[in-house]
Amino acid sequence: MLILTQMNNEVDFKQLVLILGRDKETRLMMKTLLELWNYQTIEARNVRETAFFLERFSPNLILMDSDHSFTETLKELTDIRRNEKLKAIPVVIISSFSQRLFRDIAIANGADYFFAKPVNFSRLEKSLKNFIAQVETSGEENFESSSRVF
């Protein structure tokens, strides 16, 4: 199932976030929050669907939910970083795996930000705004991850 949400019949590509996750309810919750924060959203269940969307859209950010298997999350993250179309897009992981070891491994494998569940949504909102603003001002080619962990 591929889903694109548009607000006001226009897509503001500077505020487009791709939500990547297997769990439909979690994607819906993140979609709802992001739209309340005035972001456009695209939902994908896996990296293959993510790559499909890049034929039409250029998200600023991938928000990746990691609930079911951390190993699978790392595989998807590796696939993102190896894909020429995806590798420059910053990835924020939200995970129920909150131990420091999981955070360090995710960052070492290419995650730009890592939020452990339960997520402080006001901190997430502020961080996403700052993160997207940083990407916009530096440009994708010049973006350097700060690899922050929350």
Protein backbone atom coordinates (compact mmCIF):
# COMPACT_ATOMS: atom_id res chain seq x y z
CA MET A 1 0.00 0.00 0.00
CA LEU A 2 1.56 3.28 -1.13
CA ILE A 3 0.22 6.48 0.34
CA LEU A 4 0.90 10.13 -0.41
CA THR A 5 -0.75 12.80 1.66
CA GLN A 6 -1.14 16.28 0.21
CA MET A 7 -2.34 19.31 2.12
CA ASN A 8 -4.01 22.19 0.31
CA ASN A 9 -3.58 20.26 -2.98
CA GLU A 10 0.10 21.22 -3.15
CA VAL A 11 3.20 19.40 -2.08
CA ASP A 12 5.80 21.60 -0.41
CA PHE A 13 8.92 19.62 -1.22
CA LYS A 14 10.95 21.49 1.40
CA GLN A 15 8.77 19.93 4.08
CA LEU A 16 8.29 16.40 2.72
CA VAL A 17 8.96 13.54 5.14
CA LEU A 18 8.89 9.89 4.16
CA ILE A 19 7.66 7.64 6.97
CA LEU A 20 9.22 4.19 6.70
CA GLY A 21 7.85 1.40 8.87
CA ARG A 22 6.06 -1.90 8.79
CA ASP A 23 3.45 -1.15 11.44
CA LYS A 24 0.41 0.58 9.94
CA GLU A 25 -0.77 2.09 13.24
CA THR A 26 2.63 3.59 14.01
CA ARG A 27 2.84 5.07 10.51
CA LEU A 28 -0.63 6.56 10.99
CA MET A 29 0.34 8.09 14.34
CA MET A 30 3.53 9.60 12.88
CA LYS A 31 1.64 10.82 9.79
CA THR A 32 -0.95 12.52 12.00
CA LEU A 33 1.71 14.22 14.13
CA LEU A 34 3.75 15.35 11.14
CA GLU A 35 0.69 16.80 9.43
CA LEU A 36 -0.23 18.65 12.62
CA TRP A 37 3.29 20.09 12.46
CA ASN A 38 2.66 21.15 8.81
CA TYR A 39 4.80 18.53 7.08
CA GLN A 40 3.78 16.66 3.95
CA THR A 41 4.07 12.90 4.29
CA ILE A 42 4.66 9.82 2.22
CA GLU A 43 4.34 6.38 3.78
CA ALA A 44 6.32 3.29 2.80
CA ARG A 45 6.51 -0.17 4.35
CA ASN A 46 10.02 -0.98 3.13
CA VAL A 47 13.05 0.31 1.24
CA ARG A 48 11.68 -0.96 -2.08
CA GLU A 49 8.58 1.24 -1.70
CA THR A 50 10.82 4.10 -0.60
CA ALA A 51 12.87 3.81 -3.79
CA PHE A 52 9.63 3.77 -5.82
CA PHE A 53 8.60 7.14 -4.39
CA LEU A 54 11.90 8.70 -5.37
CA GLU A 55 10.85 8.38 -8.99
CA ARG A 56 8.29 11.13 -8.27
CA PHE A 57 9.21 12.91 -5.04
CA SER A 58 12.27 14.15 -3.18
CA PRO A 59 11.70 13.90 0.57
CA ASN A 60 13.90 15.96 2.85
CA LEU A 61 13.97 13.29 5.49
CA ILE A 62 13.21 9.63 6.13
CA LEU A 63 11.59 8.94 9.50
CA MET A 64 12.17 5.26 10.17
CA ASP A 65 10.25 3.26 12.77
CA SER A 66 12.19 0.37 14.30
CA ASP A 67 9.91 -1.84 16.33
CA HIS A 68 9.96 -5.40 15.12
CA SER A 69 13.54 -6.38 14.40
CA PHE A 70 16.60 -4.26 14.96
CA THR A 71 18.52 -6.49 12.55
CA GLU A 72 15.93 -5.76 9.86
CA THR A 73 16.16 -2.03 10.63
CA LEU A 74 19.94 -2.15 10.16
CA LYS A 75 19.52 -4.03 6.88
CA GLU A 76 17.07 -1.39 5.62
CA LEU A 77 19.35 1.40 6.79
CA THR A 78 22.28 -0.22 4.96
CA ASP A 79 20.12 -0.55 1.83
CA ILE A 80 19.23 3.15 2.07
CA ARG A 81 22.88 4.18 2.41
CA ARG A 82 23.92 1.98 -0.54
CA ASN A 83 21.17 3.25 -2.86
CA GLU A 84 22.39 6.19 -4.98
CA LYS A 85 18.95 7.84 -4.89
CA LEU A 86 18.48 7.43 -1.14
CA LYS A 87 21.92 7.76 0.44
CA ALA A 88 21.95 11.57 0.67
CA ILE A 89 18.59 11.73 2.47
CA PRO A 90 18.94 12.09 6.24
CA VAL A 91 17.45 9.24 8.28
CA VAL A 92 15.88 9.64 11.72
CA ILE A 93 15.19 6.38 13.55
CA ILE A 94 12.53 6.02 16.21
CA SER A 95 13.06 2.77 18.07
CA SER A 96 11.76 0.71 20.95
CA PHE A 97 15.33 -0.59 21.27
CA SER A 98 16.48 2.07 23.69
CA GLN A 99 19.74 0.62 25.01
CA ARG A 100 22.83 2.70 24.25
CA LEU A 101 24.34 -0.15 22.23
CA PHE A 102 21.44 -0.06 19.73
CA ARG A 103 21.78 3.71 19.40
CA ASP A 104 25.51 3.49 18.76
CA ILE A 105 25.07 0.72 16.18
CA ALA A 106 22.33 2.67 14.35
CA ILE A 107 24.47 5.81 14.19
CA ALA A 108 27.52 3.81 13.07
CA ASN A 109 25.43 2.29 10.26
CA GLY A 110 24.23 5.60 8.87
CA ALA A 111 21.38 6.93 10.99
CA ASP A 112 21.57 10.69 11.42
CA TYR A 113 19.35 10.91 14.49
CA PHE A 114 18.05 8.28 16.91
CA PHE A 115 15.05 8.68 19.23
CA ALA A 116 14.25 5.98 21.78
CA LYS A 117 10.63 5.20 22.61
CA PRO A 118 8.70 6.51 24.35
CA VAL A 119 9.35 9.59 22.26
CA ASN A 120 9.16 13.08 23.69
CA PHE A 121 7.05 14.54 20.88
CA SER A 122 7.83 18.18 21.61
CA ARG A 123 11.55 17.34 21.41
CA LEU A 124 10.95 15.38 18.19
CA GLU A 125 9.05 18.30 16.63
CA LYS A 126 11.76 20.79 17.53
CA SER A 127 14.53 18.48 16.36
CA LEU A 128 12.86 17.77 13.00
CA LYS A 129 12.40 21.50 12.37
CA ASN A 130 16.03 22.19 13.18
CA PHE A 131 17.24 19.20 11.22
CA ILE A 132 15.30 20.05 8.05
CA ALA A 133 16.37 23.69 8.31
CA GLN A 134 20.00 22.54 8.56
CA VAL A 135 19.58 20.34 5.47
CA GLU A 136 17.90 23.16 3.53
CA THR A 137 20.60 25.70 4.35
CA SER A 138 23.53 23.38 3.68
CA GLY A 139 22.07 21.56 0.69
CA GLU A 140 21.95 17.80 0.27
CA GLU A 141 25.38 17.58 -1.28
CA ASN A 142 26.99 19.48 1.57
CA PHE A 143 24.99 18.00 4.42
CA GLU A 144 27.05 16.41 7.13
CA SER A 145 25.27 14.37 9.75
CA SER A 146 25.56 15.51 13.31
CA SER A 147 24.55 11.99 14.38
CA ARG A 148 22.62 13.16 17.40
CA VAL A 149 21.02 10.72 19.79
CA PHE A 150 17.91 11.48 21.87
